[in-house]
């Protein structure tokens, strides 16, 4: 639940609040998504 909360709120910051994430954070988005799926599948 904590992994999911952190991931979705991070996405909302970019989608709705015009937050500009650093390059390393952008590159880690798919890894974070895959990690969440691997932990819950």
ModelCIF file with pLDDT and N, C-alpha, C, O atoms, coordinates in Angstrom:
data_MODEL
#
_entry.id   MODEL 
#
_entity.id                         1 
_entity.type                       polymer 
_entity.pdbx_number_of_molecules   1 
#
_entity_poly.entity_id                      1 
_entity_poly.type                           'polypeptide(L)' 
_entity_poly.nstd_linkage                   no 
_entity_poly.nstd_monomer                   no 
_entity_poly.pdbx_seq_one_letter_code       
;(UNK)(UNK)(UNK)(UNK)(UNK)(UNK)(UNK)(UNK)(UNK)(UNK)(UNK)(UNK)(UNK)(UNK)(UNK)(UNK)
(UNK)(UNK)(UNK)(UNK)(UNK)(UNK)(UNK)(UNK)(UNK)(UNK)(UNK)(UNK)(UNK)(UNK)(UNK)(UNK)
(UNK)(UNK)(UNK)(UNK)(UNK)(UNK)(UNK)(UNK)(UNK)
;
_entity_poly.pdbx_seq_one_letter_code_can   XXXXXXXXXXXXXXXXXXXXXXXXXXXXXXXXXXXXXXXXX 
_entity_poly.pdbx_strand_id                 A 
#
loop_
_entity_poly_seq.entity_id 
_entity_poly_seq.num 
_entity_poly_seq.mon_id 
_entity_poly_seq.hetero 
1 1  UNK n 
1 2  UNK n 
1 3  UNK n 
1 4  UNK n 
1 5  UNK n 
1 6  UNK n 
1 7  UNK n 
1 8  UNK n 
1 9  UNK n 
1 10 UNK n 
1 11 UNK n 
1 12 UNK n 
1 13 UNK n 
1 14 UNK n 
1 15 UNK n 
1 16 UNK n 
1 17 UNK n 
1 18 UNK n 
1 19 UNK n 
1 20 UNK n 
1 21 UNK n 
1 22 UNK n 
1 23 UNK n 
1 24 UNK n 
1 25 UNK n 
1 26 UNK n 
1 27 UNK n 
1 28 UNK n 
1 29 UNK n 
1 30 UNK n 
1 31 UNK n 
1 32 UNK n 
1 33 UNK n 
1 34 UNK n 
1 35 UNK n 
1 36 UNK n 
1 37 UNK n 
1 38 UNK n 
1 39 UNK n 
1 40 UNK n 
1 41 UNK n 
#
_struct_asym.id          A 
_struct_asym.entity_id   1 
#
loop_
_ma_qa_metric.id 
_ma_qa_metric.mode 
_ma_qa_metric.name 
_ma_qa_metric.software_group_id 
_ma_qa_metric.type 
1 global pLDDT . pLDDT 
2 local  pLDDT . pLDDT 
#
_ma_qa_metric_global.metric_id      1 
_ma_qa_metric_global.metric_value   84.27 
_ma_qa_metric_global.model_id       1 
_ma_qa_metric_global.ordinal_id     1 
#
loop_
_ma_qa_metric_local.label_asym_id 
_ma_qa_metric_local.label_comp_id 
_ma_qa_metric_local.label_seq_id 
_ma_qa_metric_local.metric_id 
_ma_qa_metric_local.metric_value 
_ma_qa_metric_local.model_id 
_ma_qa_metric_local.ordinal_id 
A UNK 1  2 83.00 1 1  
A UNK 2  2 83.00 1 2  
A UNK 3  2 83.00 1 3  
A UNK 4  2 84.00 1 4  
A UNK 5  2 85.00 1 5  
A UNK 6  2 84.00 1 6  
A UNK 7  2 86.00 1 7  
A UNK 8  2 85.00 1 8  
A UNK 9  2 84.00 1 9  
A UNK 10 2 83.00 1 10 
A UNK 11 2 85.00 1 11 
A UNK 12 2 83.00 1 12 
A UNK 13 2 83.00 1 13 
A UNK 14 2 83.00 1 14 
A UNK 15 2 79.00 1 15 
A UNK 16 2 78.00 1 16 
A UNK 17 2 68.00 1 17 
A UNK 18 2 72.00 1 18 
A UNK 19 2 76.00 1 19 
A UNK 20 2 81.00 1 20 
A UNK 21 2 83.00 1 21 
A UNK 22 2 86.00 1 22 
A UNK 23 2 83.00 1 23 
A UNK 24 2 84.00 1 24 
A UNK 25 2 85.00 1 25 
A UNK 26 2 85.00 1 26 
A UNK 27 2 83.00 1 27 
A UNK 28 2 87.00 1 28 
A UNK 29 2 87.00 1 29 
A UNK 30 2 89.00 1 30 
A UNK 31 2 90.00 1 31 
A UNK 32 2 89.00 1 32 
A UNK 33 2 90.00 1 33 
A UNK 34 2 91.00 1 34 
A UNK 35 2 89.00 1 35 
A UNK 36 2 89.00 1 36 
A UNK 37 2 91.00 1 37 
A UNK 38 2 90.00 1 38 
A UNK 39 2 88.00 1 39 
A UNK 40 2 86.00 1 40 
A UNK 41 2 82.00 1 41 
#
loop_
_atom_site.group_PDB 
_atom_site.id 
_atom_site.type_symbol 
_atom_site.label_atom_id 
_atom_site.label_alt_id 
_atom_site.label_comp_id 
_atom_site.label_asym_id 
_atom_site.label_entity_id 
_atom_site.label_seq_id 
_atom_site.pdbx_PDB_ins_code 
_atom_site.Cartn_x 
_atom_site.Cartn_y 
_atom_site.Cartn_z 
_atom_site.occupancy 
_atom_site.B_iso_or_equiv 
_atom_site.pdbx_formal_charge 
_atom_site.auth_seq_id 
_atom_site.auth_comp_id 
_atom_site.auth_asym_id 
_atom_site.auth_atom_id 
_atom_site.pdbx_PDB_model_num 
ATOM 1   N N  . UNK A 1 1  ? 0.836  -1.209  0.000   1.00 83.00 ? 1  UNK A N  1 
ATOM 2   C CA . UNK A 1 1  ? 0.000  0.000   0.000   1.00 83.00 ? 1  UNK A CA 1 
ATOM 3   C C  . UNK A 1 1  ? 0.864  1.249   0.000   1.00 83.00 ? 1  UNK A C  1 
ATOM 4   O O  . UNK A 1 1  ? 0.543  2.229   -0.673  1.00 83.00 ? 1  UNK A O  1 
ATOM 5   N N  . UNK A 1 2  ? 1.966  1.220   0.756   1.00 83.00 ? 2  UNK A N  1 
ATOM 6   C CA . UNK A 1 2  ? 2.868  2.379   0.792   1.00 83.00 ? 2  UNK A CA 1 
ATOM 7   C C  . UNK A 1 2  ? 3.566  2.579   -0.547  1.00 83.00 ? 2  UNK A C  1 
ATOM 8   O O  . UNK A 1 2  ? 3.733  3.714   -0.993  1.00 83.00 ? 2  UNK A O  1 
ATOM 9   N N  . UNK A 1 3  ? 3.977  1.480   -1.197  1.00 83.00 ? 3  UNK A N  1 
ATOM 10  C CA . UNK A 1 3  ? 4.588  1.577   -2.525  1.00 83.00 ? 3  UNK A CA 1 
ATOM 11  C C  . UNK A 1 3  ? 3.605  2.193   -3.524  1.00 83.00 ? 3  UNK A C  1 
ATOM 12  O O  . UNK A 1 3  ? 3.971  3.055   -4.323  1.00 83.00 ? 3  UNK A O  1 
ATOM 13  N N  . UNK A 1 4  ? 2.356  1.736   -3.464  1.00 84.00 ? 4  UNK A N  1 
ATOM 14  C CA . UNK A 1 4  ? 1.331  2.233   -4.381  1.00 84.00 ? 4  UNK A CA 1 
ATOM 15  C C  . UNK A 1 4  ? 1.049  3.708   -4.140  1.00 84.00 ? 4  UNK A C  1 
ATOM 16  O O  . UNK A 1 4  ? 0.948  4.486   -5.089  1.00 84.00 ? 4  UNK A O  1 
ATOM 17  N N  . UNK A 1 5  ? 0.920  4.098   -2.869  1.00 85.00 ? 5  UNK A N  1 
ATOM 18  C CA . UNK A 1 5  ? 0.654  5.499   -2.525  1.00 85.00 ? 5  UNK A CA 1 
ATOM 19  C C  . UNK A 1 5  ? 1.763  6.399   -3.059  1.00 85.00 ? 5  UNK A C  1 
ATOM 20  O O  . UNK A 1 5  ? 1.490  7.432   -3.670  1.00 85.00 ? 5  UNK A O  1 
ATOM 21  N N  . UNK A 1 6  ? 3.018  6.005   -2.826  1.00 84.00 ? 6  UNK A N  1 
ATOM 22  C CA . UNK A 1 6  ? 4.155  6.819   -3.264  1.00 84.00 ? 6  UNK A CA 1 
ATOM 23  C C  . UNK A 1 6  ? 4.172  6.942   -4.790  1.00 84.00 ? 6  UNK A C  1 
ATOM 24  O O  . UNK A 1 6  ? 4.431  8.019   -5.327  1.00 84.00 ? 6  UNK A O  1 
ATOM 25  N N  . UNK A 1 7  ? 3.894  5.831   -5.487  1.00 86.00 ? 7  UNK A N  1 
ATOM 26  C CA . UNK A 1 7  ? 3.937  5.841   -6.950  1.00 86.00 ? 7  UNK A CA 1 
ATOM 27  C C  . UNK A 1 7  ? 2.831  6.724   -7.532  1.00 86.00 ? 7  UNK A C  1 
ATOM 28  O O  . UNK A 1 7  ? 3.109  7.552   -8.400  1.00 86.00 ? 7  UNK A O  1 
ATOM 29  N N  . UNK A 1 8  ? 1.578  6.568   -7.075  1.00 85.00 ? 8  UNK A N  1 
ATOM 30  C CA . UNK A 1 8  ? 0.461  7.319   -7.648  1.00 85.00 ? 8  UNK A CA 1 
ATOM 31  C C  . UNK A 1 8  ? 0.552  8.809   -7.341  1.00 85.00 ? 8  UNK A C  1 
ATOM 32  O O  . UNK A 1 8  ? 0.263  9.634   -8.207  1.00 85.00 ? 8  UNK A O  1 
ATOM 33  N N  . UNK A 1 9  ? 0.955  9.168   -6.109  1.00 84.00 ? 9  UNK A N  1 
ATOM 34  C CA . UNK A 1 9  ? 1.073  10.590  -5.771  1.00 84.00 ? 9  UNK A CA 1 
ATOM 35  C C  . UNK A 1 9  ? 2.201  11.243  -6.564  1.00 84.00 ? 9  UNK A C  1 
ATOM 36  O O  . UNK A 1 9  ? 2.098  12.408  -6.947  1.00 84.00 ? 9  UNK A O  1 
ATOM 37  N N  . UNK A 1 10 ? 3.282  10.494  -6.813  1.00 83.00 ? 10 UNK A N  1 
ATOM 38  C CA . UNK A 1 10 ? 4.378  11.018  -7.647  1.00 83.00 ? 10 UNK A CA 1 
ATOM 39  C C  . UNK A 1 10 ? 3.873  11.298  -9.060  1.00 83.00 ? 10 UNK A C  1 
ATOM 40  O O  . UNK A 1 10 ? 4.206  12.327  -9.648  1.00 83.00 ? 10 UNK A O  1 
ATOM 41  N N  . UNK A 1 11 ? 3.072  10.384  -9.604  1.00 85.00 ? 11 UNK A N  1 
ATOM 42  C CA . UNK A 1 11 ? 2.501  10.589  -10.947 1.00 85.00 ? 11 UNK A CA 1 
ATOM 43  C C  . UNK A 1 11 ? 1.561  11.793  -10.961 1.00 85.00 ? 11 UNK A C  1 
ATOM 44  O O  . UNK A 1 11 ? 1.565  12.569  -11.917 1.00 85.00 ? 11 UNK A O  1 
ATOM 45  N N  . UNK A 1 12 ? 0.753  11.956  -9.906  1.00 83.00 ? 12 UNK A N  1 
ATOM 46  C CA . UNK A 1 12 ? -0.188 13.081  -9.843  1.00 83.00 ? 12 UNK A CA 1 
ATOM 47  C C  . UNK A 1 12 ? 0.522  14.419  -9.783  1.00 83.00 ? 12 UNK A C  1 
ATOM 48  O O  . UNK A 1 12 ? 0.039  15.406  -10.338 1.00 83.00 ? 12 UNK A O  1 
ATOM 49  N N  . UNK A 1 13 ? 1.669  14.463  -9.112  1.00 83.00 ? 13 UNK A N  1 
ATOM 50  C CA . UNK A 1 13 ? 2.430  15.713  -9.047  1.00 83.00 ? 13 UNK A CA 1 
ATOM 51  C C  . UNK A 1 13 ? 2.800  16.196  -10.447 1.00 83.00 ? 13 UNK A C  1 
ATOM 52  O O  . UNK A 1 13 ? 2.726  17.388  -10.745 1.00 83.00 ? 13 UNK A O  1 
ATOM 53  N N  . UNK A 1 14 ? 3.200  15.251  -11.301 1.00 83.00 ? 14 UNK A N  1 
ATOM 54  C CA . UNK A 1 14 ? 3.586  15.624  -12.669 1.00 83.00 ? 14 UNK A CA 1 
ATOM 55  C C  . UNK A 1 14 ? 2.355  15.925  -13.508 1.00 83.00 ? 14 UNK A C  1 
ATOM 56  O O  . UNK A 1 14 ? 2.375  16.858  -14.311 1.00 83.00 ? 14 UNK A O  1 
ATOM 57  N N  . UNK A 1 15 ? 1.267  15.145  -13.337 1.00 79.00 ? 15 UNK A N  1 
ATOM 58  C CA . UNK A 1 15 ? 0.079  15.293  -14.172 1.00 79.00 ? 15 UNK A CA 1 
ATOM 59  C C  . UNK A 1 15 ? -0.703 16.567  -13.861 1.00 79.00 ? 15 UNK A C  1 
ATOM 60  O O  . UNK A 1 15 ? -1.201 17.226  -14.773 1.00 79.00 ? 15 UNK A O  1 
ATOM 61  N N  . UNK A 1 16 ? -0.816 16.921  -12.563 1.00 78.00 ? 16 UNK A N  1 
ATOM 62  C CA . UNK A 1 16 ? -1.716 17.998  -12.180 1.00 78.00 ? 16 UNK A CA 1 
ATOM 63  C C  . UNK A 1 16 ? -1.030 19.224  -11.594 1.00 78.00 ? 16 UNK A C  1 
ATOM 64  O O  . UNK A 1 16 ? -1.569 20.326  -11.693 1.00 78.00 ? 16 UNK A O  1 
ATOM 65  N N  . UNK A 1 17 ? 0.137  19.067  -10.990 1.00 68.00 ? 17 UNK A N  1 
ATOM 66  C CA . UNK A 1 17 ? 0.779  20.187  -10.302 1.00 68.00 ? 17 UNK A CA 1 
ATOM 67  C C  . UNK A 1 17 ? 1.966  20.753  -11.072 1.00 68.00 ? 17 UNK A C  1 
ATOM 68  O O  . UNK A 1 17 ? 2.692  21.603  -10.556 1.00 68.00 ? 17 UNK A O  1 
ATOM 69  N N  . UNK A 1 18 ? 2.171  20.283  -12.314 1.00 72.00 ? 18 UNK A N  1 
ATOM 70  C CA . UNK A 1 18 ? 3.264  20.785  -13.153 1.00 72.00 ? 18 UNK A CA 1 
ATOM 71  C C  . UNK A 1 18 ? 4.626  20.631  -12.493 1.00 72.00 ? 18 UNK A C  1 
ATOM 72  O O  . UNK A 1 18 ? 5.508  21.472  -12.665 1.00 72.00 ? 18 UNK A O  1 
ATOM 73  N N  . UNK A 1 19 ? 4.791  19.542  -11.731 1.00 76.00 ? 19 UNK A N  1 
ATOM 74  C CA . UNK A 1 19 ? 6.072  19.249  -11.109 1.00 76.00 ? 19 UNK A CA 1 
ATOM 75  C C  . UNK A 1 19 ? 7.035  18.726  -12.167 1.00 76.00 ? 19 UNK A C  1 
ATOM 76  O O  . UNK A 1 19 ? 6.661  17.873  -12.971 1.00 76.00 ? 19 UNK A O  1 
ATOM 77  N N  . UNK A 1 20 ? 8.259  19.219  -12.178 1.00 81.00 ? 20 UNK A N  1 
ATOM 78  C CA . UNK A 1 20 ? 9.279  18.791  -13.139 1.00 81.00 ? 20 UNK A CA 1 
ATOM 79  C C  . UNK A 1 20 ? 10.287 17.904  -12.423 1.00 81.00 ? 20 UNK A C  1 
ATOM 80  O O  . UNK A 1 20 ? 11.189 18.416  -11.760 1.00 81.00 ? 20 UNK A O  1 
ATOM 81  N N  . UNK A 1 21 ? 10.154 16.574  -12.542 1.00 83.00 ? 21 UNK A N  1 
ATOM 82  C CA . UNK A 1 21 ? 11.050 15.671  -11.815 1.00 83.00 ? 21 UNK A CA 1 
ATOM 83  C C  . UNK A 1 21 ? 12.444 15.658  -12.429 1.00 83.00 ? 21 UNK A C  1 
ATOM 84  O O  . UNK A 1 21 ? 12.594 15.927  -13.620 1.00 83.00 ? 21 UNK A O  1 
ATOM 85  N N  . UNK A 1 22 ? 13.488 15.345  -11.617 1.00 86.00 ? 22 UNK A N  1 
ATOM 86  C CA . UNK A 1 22 ? 14.844 15.216  -12.174 1.00 86.00 ? 22 UNK A CA 1 
ATOM 87  C C  . UNK A 1 22 ? 14.952 13.992  -13.067 1.00 86.00 ? 22 UNK A C  1 
ATOM 88  O O  . UNK A 1 22 ? 14.083 13.120  -13.051 1.00 86.00 ? 22 UNK A O  1 
ATOM 89  N N  . UNK A 1 23 ? 16.034 13.934  -13.853 1.00 83.00 ? 23 UNK A N  1 
ATOM 90  C CA . UNK A 1 23 ? 16.195 12.871  -14.856 1.00 83.00 ? 23 UNK A CA 1 
ATOM 91  C C  . UNK A 1 23 ? 16.222 11.493  -14.222 1.00 83.00 ? 23 UNK A C  1 
ATOM 92  O O  . UNK A 1 23 ? 15.608 10.564  -14.747 1.00 83.00 ? 23 UNK A O  1 
ATOM 93  N N  . UNK A 1 24 ? 16.940 11.337  -13.073 1.00 84.00 ? 24 UNK A N  1 
ATOM 94  C CA . UNK A 1 24 ? 17.023 10.011  -12.465 1.00 84.00 ? 24 UNK A CA 1 
ATOM 95  C C  . UNK A 1 24 ? 15.669 9.527   -11.962 1.00 84.00 ? 24 UNK A C  1 
ATOM 96  O O  . UNK A 1 24 ? 15.396 8.326   -11.966 1.00 84.00 ? 24 UNK A O  1 
ATOM 97  N N  . UNK A 1 25 ? 14.812 10.468  -11.523 1.00 85.00 ? 25 UNK A N  1 
ATOM 98  C CA . UNK A 1 25 ? 13.467 10.096  -11.073 1.00 85.00 ? 25 UNK A CA 1 
ATOM 99  C C  . UNK A 1 25 ? 12.610 9.669   -12.259 1.00 85.00 ? 25 UNK A C  1 
ATOM 100 O O  . UNK A 1 25 ? 11.835 8.718   -12.155 1.00 85.00 ? 25 UNK A O  1 
ATOM 101 N N  . UNK A 1 26 ? 12.744 10.368  -13.389 1.00 85.00 ? 26 UNK A N  1 
ATOM 102 C CA . UNK A 1 26 ? 11.989 10.004  -14.592 1.00 85.00 ? 26 UNK A CA 1 
ATOM 103 C C  . UNK A 1 26 ? 12.373 8.605   -15.051 1.00 85.00 ? 26 UNK A C  1 
ATOM 104 O O  . UNK A 1 26 ? 11.512 7.789   -15.379 1.00 85.00 ? 26 UNK A O  1 
ATOM 105 N N  . UNK A 1 27 ? 13.685 8.335   -15.070 1.00 83.00 ? 27 UNK A N  1 
ATOM 106 C CA . UNK A 1 27 ? 14.168 7.044   -15.568 1.00 83.00 ? 27 UNK A CA 1 
ATOM 107 C C  . UNK A 1 27 ? 13.782 5.887   -14.657 1.00 83.00 ? 27 UNK A C  1 
ATOM 108 O O  . UNK A 1 27 ? 13.801 4.733   -15.084 1.00 83.00 ? 27 UNK A O  1 
ATOM 109 N N  . UNK A 1 28 ? 13.430 6.182   -13.403 1.00 87.00 ? 28 UNK A N  1 
ATOM 110 C CA . UNK A 1 28 ? 13.109 5.105   -12.464 1.00 87.00 ? 28 UNK A CA 1 
ATOM 111 C C  . UNK A 1 28 ? 11.614 4.793   -12.400 1.00 87.00 ? 28 UNK A C  1 
ATOM 112 O O  . UNK A 1 28 ? 11.207 3.900   -11.657 1.00 87.00 ? 28 UNK A O  1 
ATOM 113 N N  . UNK A 1 29 ? 10.786 5.519   -13.170 1.00 87.00 ? 29 UNK A N  1 
ATOM 114 C CA . UNK A 1 29 ? 9.332  5.322   -13.088 1.00 87.00 ? 29 UNK A CA 1 
ATOM 115 C C  . UNK A 1 29 ? 8.938  3.905   -13.485 1.00 87.00 ? 29 UNK A C  1 
ATOM 116 O O  . UNK A 1 29 ? 8.198  3.239   -12.760 1.00 87.00 ? 29 UNK A O  1 
ATOM 117 N N  . UNK A 1 30 ? 9.427  3.440   -14.632 1.00 89.00 ? 30 UNK A N  1 
ATOM 118 C CA . UNK A 1 30 ? 9.045  2.100   -15.089 1.00 89.00 ? 30 UNK A CA 1 
ATOM 119 C C  . UNK A 1 30 ? 9.587  1.031   -14.151 1.00 89.00 ? 30 UNK A C  1 
ATOM 120 O O  . UNK A 1 30 ? 8.924  0.021   -13.914 1.00 89.00 ? 30 UNK A O  1 
ATOM 121 N N  . UNK A 1 31 ? 10.803 1.245   -13.607 1.00 90.00 ? 31 UNK A N  1 
ATOM 122 C CA . UNK A 1 31 ? 11.359 0.276   -12.657 1.00 90.00 ? 31 UNK A CA 1 
ATOM 123 C C  . UNK A 1 31 ? 10.487 0.203   -11.406 1.00 90.00 ? 31 UNK A C  1 
ATOM 124 O O  . UNK A 1 31 ? 10.259 -0.878  -10.864 1.00 90.00 ? 31 UNK A O  1 
ATOM 125 N N  . UNK A 1 32 ? 9.992  1.377   -10.946 1.00 89.00 ? 32 UNK A N  1 
ATOM 126 C CA . UNK A 1 32 ? 9.121  1.389   -9.767  1.00 89.00 ? 32 UNK A CA 1 
ATOM 127 C C  . UNK A 1 32 ? 7.821  0.643   -10.044 1.00 89.00 ? 32 UNK A C  1 
ATOM 128 O O  . UNK A 1 32 ? 7.333  -0.103  -9.195  1.00 89.00 ? 32 UNK A O  1 
ATOM 129 N N  . UNK A 1 33 ? 7.259  0.848   -11.246 1.00 90.00 ? 33 UNK A N  1 
ATOM 130 C CA . UNK A 1 33 ? 6.019  0.161   -11.614 1.00 90.00 ? 33 UNK A CA 1 
ATOM 131 C C  . UNK A 1 33 ? 6.227  -1.354  -11.673 1.00 90.00 ? 33 UNK A C  1 
ATOM 132 O O  . UNK A 1 33 ? 5.406  -2.119  -11.166 1.00 90.00 ? 33 UNK A O  1 
ATOM 133 N N  . UNK A 1 34 ? 7.347  -1.788  -12.304 1.00 91.00 ? 34 UNK A N  1 
ATOM 134 C CA . UNK A 1 34 ? 7.629  -3.219  -12.411 1.00 91.00 ? 34 UNK A CA 1 
ATOM 135 C C  . UNK A 1 34 ? 7.895  -3.837  -11.035 1.00 91.00 ? 34 UNK A C  1 
ATOM 136 O O  . UNK A 1 34 ? 7.507  -4.973  -10.765 1.00 91.00 ? 34 UNK A O  1 
ATOM 137 N N  . UNK A 1 35 ? 8.560  -3.072  -10.176 1.00 89.00 ? 35 UNK A N  1 
ATOM 138 C CA . UNK A 1 35 ? 8.837  -3.574  -8.823  1.00 89.00 ? 35 UNK A CA 1 
ATOM 139 C C  . UNK A 1 35 ? 7.526  -3.792  -8.063  1.00 89.00 ? 35 UNK A C  1 
ATOM 140 O O  . UNK A 1 35 ? 7.365  -4.800  -7.374  1.00 89.00 ? 35 UNK A O  1 
ATOM 141 N N  . UNK A 1 36 ? 6.586  -2.840  -8.189  1.00 89.00 ? 36 UNK A N  1 
ATOM 142 C CA . UNK A 1 36 ? 5.300  -2.989  -7.514  1.00 89.00 ? 36 UNK A CA 1 
ATOM 143 C C  . UNK A 1 36 ? 4.553  -4.220  -8.036  1.00 89.00 ? 36 UNK A C  1 
ATOM 144 O O  . UNK A 1 36 ? 3.962  -4.963  -7.253  1.00 89.00 ? 36 UNK A O  1 
ATOM 145 N N  . UNK A 1 37 ? 4.578  -4.438  -9.350  1.00 91.00 ? 37 UNK A N  1 
ATOM 146 C CA . UNK A 1 37 ? 3.880  -5.590  -9.930  1.00 91.00 ? 37 UNK A CA 1 
ATOM 147 C C  . UNK A 1 37 ? 4.515  -6.894  -9.467  1.00 91.00 ? 37 UNK A C  1 
ATOM 148 O O  . UNK A 1 37 ? 3.815  -7.849  -9.130  1.00 91.00 ? 37 UNK A O  1 
ATOM 149 N N  . UNK A 1 38 ? 5.857  -6.930  -9.451  1.00 90.00 ? 38 UNK A N  1 
ATOM 150 C CA . UNK A 1 38 ? 6.548  -8.156  -9.041  1.00 90.00 ? 38 UNK A CA 1 
ATOM 151 C C  . UNK A 1 38 ? 6.273  -8.499  -7.580  1.00 90.00 ? 38 UNK A C  1 
ATOM 152 O O  . UNK A 1 38 ? 6.268  -9.670  -7.200  1.00 90.00 ? 38 UNK A O  1 
ATOM 153 N N  . UNK A 1 39 ? 6.038  -7.449  -6.746  1.00 88.00 ? 39 UNK A N  1 
ATOM 154 C CA . UNK A 1 39 ? 5.761  -7.679  -5.333  1.00 88.00 ? 39 UNK A CA 1 
ATOM 155 C C  . UNK A 1 39 ? 4.328  -8.134  -5.077  1.00 88.00 ? 39 UNK A C  1 
ATOM 156 O O  . UNK A 1 39 ? 4.040  -8.717  -4.032  1.00 88.00 ? 39 UNK A O  1 
ATOM 157 N N  . UNK A 1 40 ? 3.436  -7.873  -6.015  1.00 86.00 ? 40 UNK A N  1 
ATOM 158 C CA . UNK A 1 40 ? 2.006  -8.136  -5.762  1.00 86.00 ? 40 UNK A CA 1 
ATOM 159 C C  . UNK A 1 40 ? 1.389  -9.169  -6.693  1.00 86.00 ? 40 UNK A C  1 
ATOM 160 O O  . UNK A 1 40 ? 0.236  -9.551  -6.494  1.00 86.00 ? 40 UNK A O  1 
ATOM 161 N N  . UNK A 1 41 ? 2.122  -9.635  -7.705  1.00 82.00 ? 41 UNK A N  1 
ATOM 162 C CA . UNK A 1 41 ? 1.490  -10.504 -8.707  1.00 82.00 ? 41 UNK A CA 1 
ATOM 163 C C  . UNK A 1 41 ? 1.104  -11.872 -8.147  1.00 82.00 ? 41 UNK A C  1 
ATOM 164 O O  . UNK A 1 41 ? 0.564  -12.706 -8.874  1.00 82.00 ? 41 UNK A O  1 
#
